[in-house]
C-alpha atoms as a PDB file:
ATOM      1  CA  MET A   1     -43.734 105.983  -1.450  1.00  0.00           C
ATOM      2  CA  ASN A   2     -43.069 106.064   2.280  1.00  0.00           C
ATOM      3  CA  SER A   3     -40.010 107.483   4.032  1.00  0.00           C
ATOM      4  CA  SER A   4     -38.303 104.075   4.331  1.00  0.00           C
ATOM      5  CA  ASN A   5     -38.575 103.496   0.595  1.00  0.00           C
ATOM      6  CA  LYS A   6     -37.248 106.988  -0.133  1.00  0.00           C
ATOM      7  CA  ARG A   7     -34.305 106.443   2.218  1.00  0.00           C
ATOM      8  CA  ILE A   8     -33.436 103.051   0.719  1.00  0.00           C
ATOM      9  CA  ILE A   9     -33.740 104.269  -2.888  1.00  0.00           C
ATOM     10  CA  LYS A  10     -31.465 107.183  -2.059  1.00  0.00           C
ATOM     11  CA  ASP A  11     -28.984 104.686  -0.559  1.00  0.00           C
ATOM     12  CA  ILE A  12     -29.123 102.588  -3.747  1.00  0.00           C
ATOM     13  CA  TYR A  13     -28.357 105.614  -5.928  1.00  0.00           C
ATOM     14  CA  ASN A  14     -25.499 106.673  -3.622  1.00  0.00           C
ATOM     15  CA  ASN A  15     -23.869 103.214  -3.546  1.00  0.00           C
ATOM     16  CA  ARG A  16     -22.592 102.423  -7.051  1.00  0.00           C
ATOM     17  CA  GLU A  17     -21.701  98.829  -6.242  1.00  0.00           C
ATOM     18  CA  LEU A  18     -25.132  98.072  -4.784  1.00  0.00           C
ATOM     19  CA  LYS A  19     -26.879  99.867  -7.664  1.00  0.00           C
ATOM     20  CA  SER A  20     -24.856  97.971 -10.232  1.00  0.00           C
ATOM     21  CA  GLU A  21     -25.635  94.623  -8.626  1.00  0.00           C
ATOM     22  CA  ILE A  22     -29.361  95.346  -8.346  1.00  0.00           C
ATOM     23  CA  ASP A  23     -29.474  96.628 -11.944  1.00  0.00           C
ATOM     24  CA  TYR A  24     -27.746  93.458 -13.145  1.00  0.00           C
ATOM     25  CA  TYR A  25     -30.338  91.181 -11.556  1.00  0.00           C
ATOM     26  CA  LEU A  26     -33.330  93.325 -12.493  1.00  0.00           C
ATOM     27  CA  ASN A  27     -32.204  93.439 -16.131  1.00  0.00           C
ATOM     28  CA  ASP A  28     -32.212  89.631 -16.073  1.00  0.00           C
ATOM     29  CA  GLY A  29     -35.715  89.616 -14.565  1.00  0.00           C
ATOM     30  CA  LEU A  30     -34.540  88.330 -11.184  1.00  0.00           C
ATOM     31  CA  LYS A  31     -36.547  90.516  -8.813  1.00  0.00           C
ATOM     32  CA  ILE A  32     -36.312  88.102  -5.872  1.00  0.00           C
ATOM     33  CA  LYS A  33     -32.510  88.016  -6.171  1.00  0.00           C
ATOM     34  CA  SER A  34     -32.508  91.837  -6.189  1.00  0.00           C
ATOM     35  CA  ILE A  35     -34.570  91.874  -2.994  1.00  0.00           C
ATOM     36  CA  LYS A  36     -32.128  89.430  -1.387  1.00  0.00           C
ATOM     37  CA  ILE A  37     -29.161  91.603  -2.412  1.00  0.00           C
ATOM     38  CA  LEU A  38     -30.802  94.683  -0.896  1.00  0.00           C
ATOM     39  CA  LYS A  39     -31.770  92.874   2.309  1.00  0.00           C
ATOM     40  CA  GLY A  40     -28.276  91.381   2.592  1.00  0.00           C
ATOM     41  CA  HIS A  41     -26.718  94.804   2.128  1.00  0.00           C
ATOM     42  CA  TYR A  42     -28.648  96.247   5.064  1.00  0.00           C
ATOM     43  CA  GLU A  43     -28.016  93.239   7.278  1.00  0.00           C
ATOM     44  CA  ALA A  44     -24.268  93.337   6.547  1.00  0.00           C
ATOM     45  CA  THR A  45     -24.066  97.126   6.932  1.00  0.00           C
ATOM     46  CA  ASP A  46     -25.907  97.181  10.244  1.00  0.00           C
ATOM     47  CA  ALA A  47     -24.210  94.116  11.774  1.00  0.00           C
ATOM     48  CA  SER A  48     -21.486  95.990  13.655  1.00  0.00           C
ATOM     49  CA  PRO A  49     -22.039  96.166  17.459  1.00  0.00           C
ATOM     50  CA  GLU A  50     -21.936  99.976  17.627  1.00  0.00           C
ATOM     51  CA  LYS A  51     -24.714 100.215  15.049  1.00  0.00           C
ATOM     52  CA  TRP A  52     -26.801  97.460  16.608  1.00  0.00           C
ATOM     53  CA  LYS A  53     -28.548  99.892  18.961  1.00  0.00           C
ATOM     54  CA  ASN A  54     -29.623 102.258  16.155  1.00  0.00           C
ATOM     55  CA  ARG A  55     -30.128  99.511  13.590  1.00  0.00           C
ATOM     56  CA  ARG A  56     -32.787 100.067  10.969  1.00  0.00           C
ATOM     57  CA  LYS A  57     -34.829  96.923  10.721  1.00  0.00           C
ATOM     58  CA  TYR A  58     -36.915  96.805   7.576  1.00  0.00           C
ATOM     59  CA  SER A  59     -39.533  94.217   6.760  1.00  0.00           C
ATOM     60  CA  LEU A  60     -39.415  92.111   3.638  1.00  0.00           C
ATOM     61  CA  ARG A  61     -42.413  94.141   2.380  1.00  0.00           C
ATOM     62  CA  VAL A  62     -40.364  97.349   2.545  1.00  0.00           C
ATOM     63  CA  TYR A  63     -37.548  95.748   0.522  1.00  0.00           C
ATOM     64  CA  LYS A  64     -40.023  94.396  -2.046  1.00  0.00           C
ATOM     65  CA  ASP A  65     -41.847  97.731  -2.396  1.00  0.00           C
ATOM     66  CA  THR A  66     -38.522  99.538  -2.744  1.00  0.00           C
ATOM     67  CA  ILE A  67     -37.344  97.173  -5.494  1.00  0.00           C
ATOM     68  CA  ASP A  68     -40.709  97.574  -7.266  1.00  0.00           C
ATOM     69  CA  THR A  69     -40.368 101.359  -7.190  1.00  0.00           C
ATOM     70  CA  TYR A  70     -36.707 101.217  -8.220  1.00  0.00           C
ATOM     71  CA  GLN A  71     -37.525  98.807 -11.079  1.00  0.00           C
ATOM     72  CA  LYS A  72     -40.245 101.163 -12.337  1.00  0.00           C
ATOM     73  CA  ARG A  73     -37.750 104.044 -12.303  1.00  0.00           C
ATOM     74  CA  MET A  74     -35.137 101.916 -14.037  1.00  0.00           C
ATOM     75  CA  LYS A  75     -37.575 100.955 -16.828  1.00  0.00           C
ATOM     76  CA  ILE A  76     -38.493 104.588 -17.450  1.00  0.00           C
ATOM     77  CA  GLN A  77     -34.821 105.585 -17.439  1.00  0.00           C
ATOM     78  CA  ASN A  78     -33.944 102.798 -19.907  1.00  0.00           C
ATOM     79  CA  LYS A  79     -36.796 103.819 -22.207  1.00  0.00           C
ATOM     80  CA  LEU A  80     -35.712 107.452 -22.097  1.00  0.00           C
ATOM     81  CA  GLY A  81     -32.232 106.316 -23.144  1.00  0.00           C
ATOM     82  CA  MET A  82     -33.719 104.352 -26.039  1.00  0.00           C
ATOM     83  CA  LEU A  83     -35.786 107.395 -27.090  1.00  0.00           C
ATOM     84  CA  ARG A  84     -32.707 109.632 -26.968  1.00  0.00           C
ATOM     85  CA  GLU A  85     -30.770 107.149 -29.139  1.00  0.00           C
ATOM     86  CA  ARG A  86     -33.705 106.901 -31.541  1.00  0.00           C
ATOM     87  CA  ILE A  87     -33.789 110.687 -31.962  1.00  0.00           C
ATOM     88  CA  GLU A  88     -30.006 110.710 -32.539  1.00  0.00           C
ATOM     89  CA  TRP A  89     -30.274 107.953 -35.153  1.00  0.00           C
ATOM     90  CA  TRP A  90     -33.177 109.707 -36.896  1.00  0.00           C
ATOM     91  CA  CYS A  91     -31.234 112.973 -36.997  1.00  0.00           C
ATOM     92  CA  GLU A  92     -28.186 111.263 -38.490  1.00  0.00           C
ATOM     93  CA  GLU A  93     -30.399 109.899 -41.271  1.00  0.00           C
ATOM     94  CA  ASN A  94     -32.575 112.983 -41.889  1.00  0.00           C
ATOM     95  CA  GLY A  95     -30.478 115.891 -40.639  1.00  0.00           C
ATOM     96  CA  TYR A  96     -30.227 117.588 -37.283  1.00  0.00           C
ATOM     97  CA  GLU A  97     -31.866 120.746 -38.611  1.00  0.00           C
ATOM     98  CA  LYS A  98     -35.110 118.775 -39.057  1.00  0.00           C
ATOM     99  CA  MET A  99     -35.294 117.789 -35.384  1.00  0.00           C
ATOM    100  CA  GLY A 100     -38.363 119.058 -33.558  1.00  0.00           C
ATOM    101  CA  VAL A 101     -38.218 121.970 -31.163  1.00  0.00           C
ATOM    102  CA  GLN A 102     -40.011 122.073 -27.822  1.00  0.00           C
ATOM    103  CA  ARG A 103     -39.802 125.856 -27.498  1.00  0.00           C
ATOM    104  CA  GLU A 104     -37.943 128.804 -28.900  1.00  0.00           C
ATOM    105  CA  VAL A 105     -36.701 131.787 -26.933  1.00  0.00           C
ATOM    106  CA  LYS A 106     -36.431 134.922 -29.072  1.00  0.00           C
ATOM    107  CA  SER A 107     -34.414 138.007 -28.444  1.00  0.00           C
ATOM    108  CA  LYS A 108     -36.009 141.474 -28.440  1.00  0.00           C
ATOM    109  CA  THR A 109     -34.981 141.963 -32.068  1.00  0.00           C
ATOM    110  CA  GLY A 110     -36.866 138.826 -33.105  1.00  0.00           C
ATOM    111  CA  GLU A 111     -33.857 136.627 -33.801  1.00  0.00           C
ATOM    112  CA  TYR A 112     -33.834 133.110 -32.429  1.00  0.00           C
ATOM    113  CA  THR A 113     -31.433 132.974 -29.533  1.00  0.00           C
ATOM    114  CA  TYR A 114     -32.147 129.510 -28.220  1.00  0.00           C
ATOM    115  CA  ARG A 115     -34.026 126.444 -29.404  1.00  0.00           C
ATOM    116  CA  TYR A 116     -34.886 123.748 -26.872  1.00  0.00           C
ATOM    117  CA  SER A 117     -34.946 120.584 -28.976  1.00  0.00           C
ATOM    118  CA  ASP A 118     -36.730 117.273 -28.476  1.00  0.00           C
ATOM    119  CA  TRP A 119     -33.366 115.618 -27.815  1.00  0.00           C
ATOM    120  CA  GLU A 120     -32.544 118.143 -25.063  1.00  0.00           C
ATOM    121  CA  LEU A 121     -35.908 117.522 -23.398  1.00  0.00           C
ATOM    122  CA  VAL A 122     -35.360 113.758 -23.334  1.00  0.00           C
ATOM    123  CA  ASP A 123     -31.743 114.153 -22.206  1.00  0.00           C
ATOM    124  CA  ASP A 124     -32.766 116.518 -19.394  1.00  0.00           C
ATOM    125  CA  HIS A 125     -35.466 114.138 -18.183  1.00  0.00           C
ATOM    126  CA  GLU A 126     -33.061 111.204 -18.307  1.00  0.00           C
ATOM    127  CA  GLY A 127     -30.636 113.269 -16.226  1.00  0.00           C
ATOM    128  CA  LEU A 128     -33.379 114.013 -13.710  1.00  0.00           C
ATOM    129  CA  MET A 129     -34.116 110.277 -13.391  1.00  0.00           C
ATOM    130  CA  ILE A 130     -30.450 109.635 -12.623  1.00  0.00           C
ATOM    131  CA  ASN A 131     -29.742 112.572 -10.324  1.00  0.00           C
ATOM    132  CA  ASP A 132     -33.024 113.041  -8.456  1.00  0.00           C
ATOM    133  CA  SER A 133     -34.277 109.885  -6.762  1.00  0.00           C
ATOM    134  CA  GLN A 134     -37.654 111.562  -6.080  1.00  0.00           C
ATOM    135  CA  TRP A 135     -38.467 112.778  -9.606  1.00  0.00           C
ATOM    136  CA  LEU A 136     -40.792 110.836 -11.895  1.00  0.00           C
ATOM    137  CA  PRO A 137     -42.308 112.060 -15.166  1.00  0.00           C
ATOM    138  CA  SER A 138     -45.975 112.992 -15.120  1.00  0.00           C
ATOM    139  CA  SER A 139     -48.553 111.194 -17.251  1.00  0.00           C
ATOM    140  CA  LYS A 140     -48.543 114.184 -19.617  1.00  0.00           C
ATOM    141  CA  GLN A 141     -44.783 113.829 -20.073  1.00  0.00           C
ATOM    142  CA  ILE A 142     -45.078 110.077 -20.696  1.00  0.00           C
ATOM    143  CA  LYS A 143     -47.661 110.792 -23.420  1.00  0.00           C
ATOM    144  CA  GLN A 144     -45.202 113.297 -24.866  1.00  0.00           C
ATOM    145  CA  TYR A 145     -42.479 110.602 -24.921  1.00  0.00           C
ATOM    146  CA  ASN A 146     -44.831 108.274 -26.775  1.00  0.00           C
ATOM    147  CA  GLU A 147     -45.558 110.989 -29.359  1.00  0.00           C
ATOM    148  CA  LEU A 148     -41.832 111.587 -29.798  1.00  0.00           C
ATOM    149  CA  TRP A 149     -41.260 107.840 -30.228  1.00  0.00           C
ATOM    150  CA  LYS A 150     -43.774 107.790 -33.079  1.00  0.00           C
ATOM    151  CA  LYS A 151     -42.439 111.033 -34.563  1.00  0.00           C
ATOM    152  CA  TYR A 152     -38.880 109.716 -34.842  1.00  0.00           C
ATOM    153  CA  GLU A 153     -39.809 106.386 -36.355  1.00  0.00           C
ATOM    154  CA  LYS A 154     -37.408 105.057 -38.989  1.00  0.00           C
END
């Protein structure tokens, strides 16, 4: 991802109205409409005379690549949300005490002081997808999500 894509994706995440509009069209499978919305946003934003001199002019390729990257992130984020809900549903049916644990931190006396659950892992990663426009899960983490999906099957 080049610096233009990073800058535009950061702008999308910082502008709720733009993000909402792009999400709406991408969820309906209208990628071209999403590209037009993004391009229109930058043309309308940079149209004022005082900004004309320092105007950022992006090519259609940059907008397309940005939407492709954003759509990939959005799909992962949506799937993490579905996995989190699946774990919650499974726990309601089978009991929260049966939920898997990623790691346990013990005190010096040997008592369990903290258990980092599967749900917390998924929730943390979903939060990272929302709050950090640069973060993407590694292939190892995606395999872990797939294992969790199978583990919490109905």
